[in-house]
C-alpha atoms as a PDB file:
ATOM      1  CA  MET A   1    -107.202 -20.186  45.826  1.00  0.00           C
ATOM      2  CA  TRP A   2    -104.572 -18.879  43.522  1.00  0.00           C
ATOM      3  CA  PHE A   3    -101.510 -21.005  43.022  1.00  0.00           C
ATOM      4  CA  HIS A   4     -98.667 -20.926  40.595  1.00  0.00           C
ATOM      5  CA  PRO A   5     -95.576 -23.063  40.324  1.00  0.00           C
ATOM      6  CA  HIS A   6     -92.082 -21.728  40.639  1.00  0.00           C
ATOM      7  CA  PRO A   7     -90.629 -21.006  37.149  1.00  0.00           C
ATOM      8  CA  PHE A   8     -88.230 -23.981  37.257  1.00  0.00           C
ATOM      9  CA  LEU A   9     -91.214 -26.324  37.346  1.00  0.00           C
ATOM     10  CA  LEU A  10     -93.559 -24.349  35.121  1.00  0.00           C
ATOM     11  CA  SER A  11     -92.861 -26.243  31.898  1.00  0.00           C
ATOM     12  CA  ASN A  12     -93.033 -29.557  33.757  1.00  0.00           C
ATOM     13  CA  VAL A  13     -96.386 -28.716  35.248  1.00  0.00           C
ATOM     14  CA  LEU A  14     -97.861 -27.127  32.131  1.00  0.00           C
ATOM     15  CA  ASP A  15     -97.012 -30.227  30.114  1.00  0.00           C
ATOM     16  CA  LYS A  16     -99.271 -32.195  32.429  1.00  0.00           C
ATOM     17  CA  THR A  17    -102.081 -29.637  32.532  1.00  0.00           C
ATOM     18  CA  GLN A  18    -104.275 -29.900  29.457  1.00  0.00           C
ATOM     19  CA  LYS A  19    -106.827 -27.330  28.337  1.00  0.00           C
ATOM     20  CA  GLY A  20    -110.156 -28.117  29.888  1.00  0.00           C
ATOM     21  CA  ASP A  21    -108.500 -30.156  32.624  1.00  0.00           C
ATOM     22  CA  LYS A  22    -109.946 -29.262  36.016  1.00  0.00           C
ATOM     23  CA  THR A  23    -106.645 -29.950  37.769  1.00  0.00           C
ATOM     24  CA  SER A  24    -105.028 -26.698  38.841  1.00  0.00           C
ATOM     25  CA  LEU A  25    -101.371 -25.834  38.522  1.00  0.00           C
ATOM     26  CA  MET A  26    -100.972 -26.058  42.304  1.00  0.00           C
ATOM     27  CA  ASP A  27    -102.290 -29.592  42.326  1.00  0.00           C
ATOM     28  CA  ASN A  28     -99.811 -30.591  39.645  1.00  0.00           C
ATOM     29  CA  LEU A  29     -97.105 -28.721  41.552  1.00  0.00           C
ATOM     30  CA  ILE A  30     -97.726 -30.783  44.689  1.00  0.00           C
ATOM     31  CA  LYS A  31     -97.577 -34.000  42.678  1.00  0.00           C
ATOM     32  CA  ALA A  32     -94.440 -32.866  40.804  1.00  0.00           C
ATOM     33  CA  LEU A  33     -92.661 -31.862  44.025  1.00  0.00           C
ATOM     34  CA  ARG A  34     -93.664 -35.131  45.689  1.00  0.00           C
ATOM     35  CA  LYS A  35     -92.368 -37.176  42.758  1.00  0.00           C
ATOM     36  CA  LYS A  36     -89.177 -35.100  42.571  1.00  0.00           C
ATOM     37  CA  ARG A  37     -88.508 -36.094  46.166  1.00  0.00           C
ATOM     38  CA  ARG A  38     -89.392 -39.712  45.331  1.00  0.00           C
ATOM     39  CA  MET A  39     -92.124 -39.769  47.957  1.00  0.00           C
ATOM     40  CA  THR A  40     -95.224 -41.877  47.792  1.00  0.00           C
ATOM     41  CA  GLN A  41     -98.636 -40.437  48.557  1.00  0.00           C
ATOM     42  CA  ASN A  42     -98.602 -42.505  51.752  1.00  0.00           C
ATOM     43  CA  GLU A  43     -95.295 -41.012  52.867  1.00  0.00           C
ATOM     44  CA  LEU A  44     -96.448 -37.461  52.160  1.00  0.00           C
ATOM     45  CA  ALA A  45     -99.723 -38.106  53.959  1.00  0.00           C
ATOM     46  CA  TYR A  46     -97.870 -39.501  56.980  1.00  0.00           C
ATOM     47  CA  CYS A  47     -95.528 -36.496  57.132  1.00  0.00           C
ATOM     48  CA  CYS A  48     -98.481 -34.083  56.935  1.00  0.00           C
ATOM     49  CA  ASN A  49    -100.590 -36.084  59.397  1.00  0.00           C
ATOM     50  CA  VAL A  50    -103.436 -36.572  56.897  1.00  0.00           C
ATOM     51  CA  SER A  51    -104.852 -39.565  55.051  1.00  0.00           C
ATOM     52  CA  ARG A  52    -103.589 -40.771  51.690  1.00  0.00           C
ATOM     53  CA  GLN A  53    -107.069 -39.961  50.344  1.00  0.00           C
ATOM     54  CA  THR A  54    -106.503 -36.306  51.293  1.00  0.00           C
ATOM     55  CA  ILE A  55    -103.260 -36.197  49.306  1.00  0.00           C
ATOM     56  CA  ILE A  56    -104.991 -37.872  46.353  1.00  0.00           C
ATOM     57  CA  ALA A  57    -107.805 -35.292  46.507  1.00  0.00           C
ATOM     58  CA  VAL A  58    -105.328 -32.385  46.661  1.00  0.00           C
ATOM     59  CA  GLU A  59    -103.387 -33.787  43.697  1.00  0.00           C
ATOM     60  CA  LYS A  60    -106.601 -34.314  41.703  1.00  0.00           C
ATOM     61  CA  GLY A  61    -107.863 -30.834  42.518  1.00  0.00           C
ATOM     62  CA  THR A  62    -111.015 -32.046  44.226  1.00  0.00           C
ATOM     63  CA  PHE A  63    -109.912 -30.706  47.621  1.00  0.00           C
ATOM     64  CA  SER A  64    -108.342 -27.338  48.432  1.00  0.00           C
ATOM     65  CA  PRO A  65    -105.932 -27.688  51.326  1.00  0.00           C
ATOM     66  CA  SER A  66    -106.433 -25.574  54.422  1.00  0.00           C
ATOM     67  CA  LEU A  67    -103.775 -23.019  55.242  1.00  0.00           C
ATOM     68  CA  SER A  68    -102.424 -25.429  57.834  1.00  0.00           C
ATOM     69  CA  LEU A  69    -102.170 -28.301  55.349  1.00  0.00           C
ATOM     70  CA  ALA A  70    -100.672 -26.048  52.669  1.00  0.00           C
ATOM     71  CA  TYR A  71     -98.021 -24.983  55.189  1.00  0.00           C
ATOM     72  CA  LYS A  72     -97.246 -28.621  56.048  1.00  0.00           C
ATOM     73  CA  LEU A  73     -97.038 -29.544  52.359  1.00  0.00           C
ATOM     74  CA  ALA A  74     -94.631 -26.672  51.710  1.00  0.00           C
ATOM     75  CA  LYS A  75     -92.429 -27.665  54.653  1.00  0.00           C
ATOM     76  CA  VAL A  76     -92.369 -31.370  53.843  1.00  0.00           C
ATOM     77  CA  LEU A  77     -91.757 -30.729  50.141  1.00  0.00           C
ATOM     78  CA  ASP A  78     -89.104 -28.092  50.961  1.00  0.00           C
ATOM     79  CA  TYR A  79     -90.838 -25.364  49.007  1.00  0.00           C
ATOM     80  CA  GLN A  80     -91.507 -21.741  49.906  1.00  0.00           C
ATOM     81  CA  MET A  81     -95.177 -21.351  50.703  1.00  0.00           C
ATOM     82  CA  GLU A  82     -95.134 -17.823  49.260  1.00  0.00           C
ATOM     83  CA  ASP A  83     -94.110 -19.325  45.920  1.00  0.00           C
ATOM     84  CA  MET A  84     -97.102 -21.673  45.951  1.00  0.00           C
ATOM     85  CA  TYR A  85     -99.599 -18.832  46.009  1.00  0.00           C
ATOM     86  CA  ASP A  86    -100.133 -16.182  43.352  1.00  0.00           C
ATOM     87  CA  PHE A  87    -101.555 -13.111  45.033  1.00  0.00           C
ATOM     88  CA  SER A  88    -101.020 -10.769  42.055  1.00  0.00           C
ATOM     89  CA  ALA A  89    -104.745 -10.357  41.296  1.00  0.00           C
ATOM     90  CA  LEU A  90    -105.527  -9.629  44.927  1.00  0.00           C
ATOM     91  CA  ASP A  91    -102.564  -7.239  45.218  1.00  0.00           C
ATOM     92  CA  ALA A  92    -103.747  -5.305  42.144  1.00  0.00           C
ATOM     93  CA  GLU A  93    -107.225  -4.903  43.641  1.00  0.00           C
ATOM     94  CA  ILE A  94    -105.791  -3.703  46.935  1.00  0.00           C
ATOM     95  CA  ARG A  95    -103.439  -1.222  45.206  1.00  0.00           C
ATOM     96  CA  THR A  96    -106.440   0.492  43.613  1.00  0.00           C
ATOM     97  CA  LEU A  97    -107.653   1.345  47.107  1.00  0.00           C
ATOM     98  CA  GLU A  98    -104.854   3.834  47.783  1.00  0.00           C
ATOM     99  CA  GLN A  99    -107.148   6.674  46.779  1.00  0.00           C
ATOM    100  CA  TYR A 100    -109.538   6.105  49.712  1.00  0.00           C
ATOM    101  CA  ASP A 101    -109.409   7.293  53.321  1.00  0.00           C
ATOM    102  CA  GLU A 102    -108.375   4.680  55.916  1.00  0.00           C
ATOM    103  CA  GLU A 103    -111.897   3.739  57.031  1.00  0.00           C
ATOM    104  CA  THR A 104    -113.189   3.259  53.485  1.00  0.00           C
ATOM    105  CA  LYS A 105    -109.990   1.432  52.525  1.00  0.00           C
ATOM    106  CA  ALA A 106    -110.356  -1.024  55.436  1.00  0.00           C
ATOM    107  CA  ARG A 107    -113.977  -1.726  54.502  1.00  0.00           C
ATOM    108  CA  LYS A 108    -113.160  -2.265  50.825  1.00  0.00           C
ATOM    109  CA  ILE A 109    -110.208  -4.547  51.658  1.00  0.00           C
ATOM    110  CA  GLN A 110    -112.519  -6.673  53.780  1.00  0.00           C
ATOM    111  CA  GLU A 111    -115.013  -6.831  50.888  1.00  0.00           C
ATOM    112  CA  ILE A 112    -112.262  -7.937  48.493  1.00  0.00           C
ATOM    113  CA  LEU A 113    -111.005 -10.600  50.885  1.00  0.00           C
ATOM    114  CA  ASN A 114    -114.535 -11.890  51.469  1.00  0.00           C
ATOM    115  CA  SER A 115    -115.153 -12.112  47.706  1.00  0.00           C
ATOM    116  CA  HIS A 116    -112.046 -14.313  47.235  1.00  0.00           C
ATOM    117  CA  ARG A 117    -112.988 -16.944  49.818  1.00  0.00           C
END
């Protein structure tokens, strides 16, 4: 998945993300937003109807949240879900398809989406 923090948190998140660290920016974003709202992992887990271990795994980057969980996290943390995802690479690939007829374009879009799962 592709995630990026909103610019107002970028420096905050980047300070905590070291080179070689496996934790993604999104994971640090979730933790930063949770802390900004002075929520514990237990409270966030309760609000999202998941276990504390799930929140820990998301924050550590060892678990990628489902679309449903990502939506819940965005709602609970009062953050726009669209701002949590960076689709720029995918959008660029799809824009290159404008040269194809509709049938070929649909097939290639499906191939691109399947390659990003």
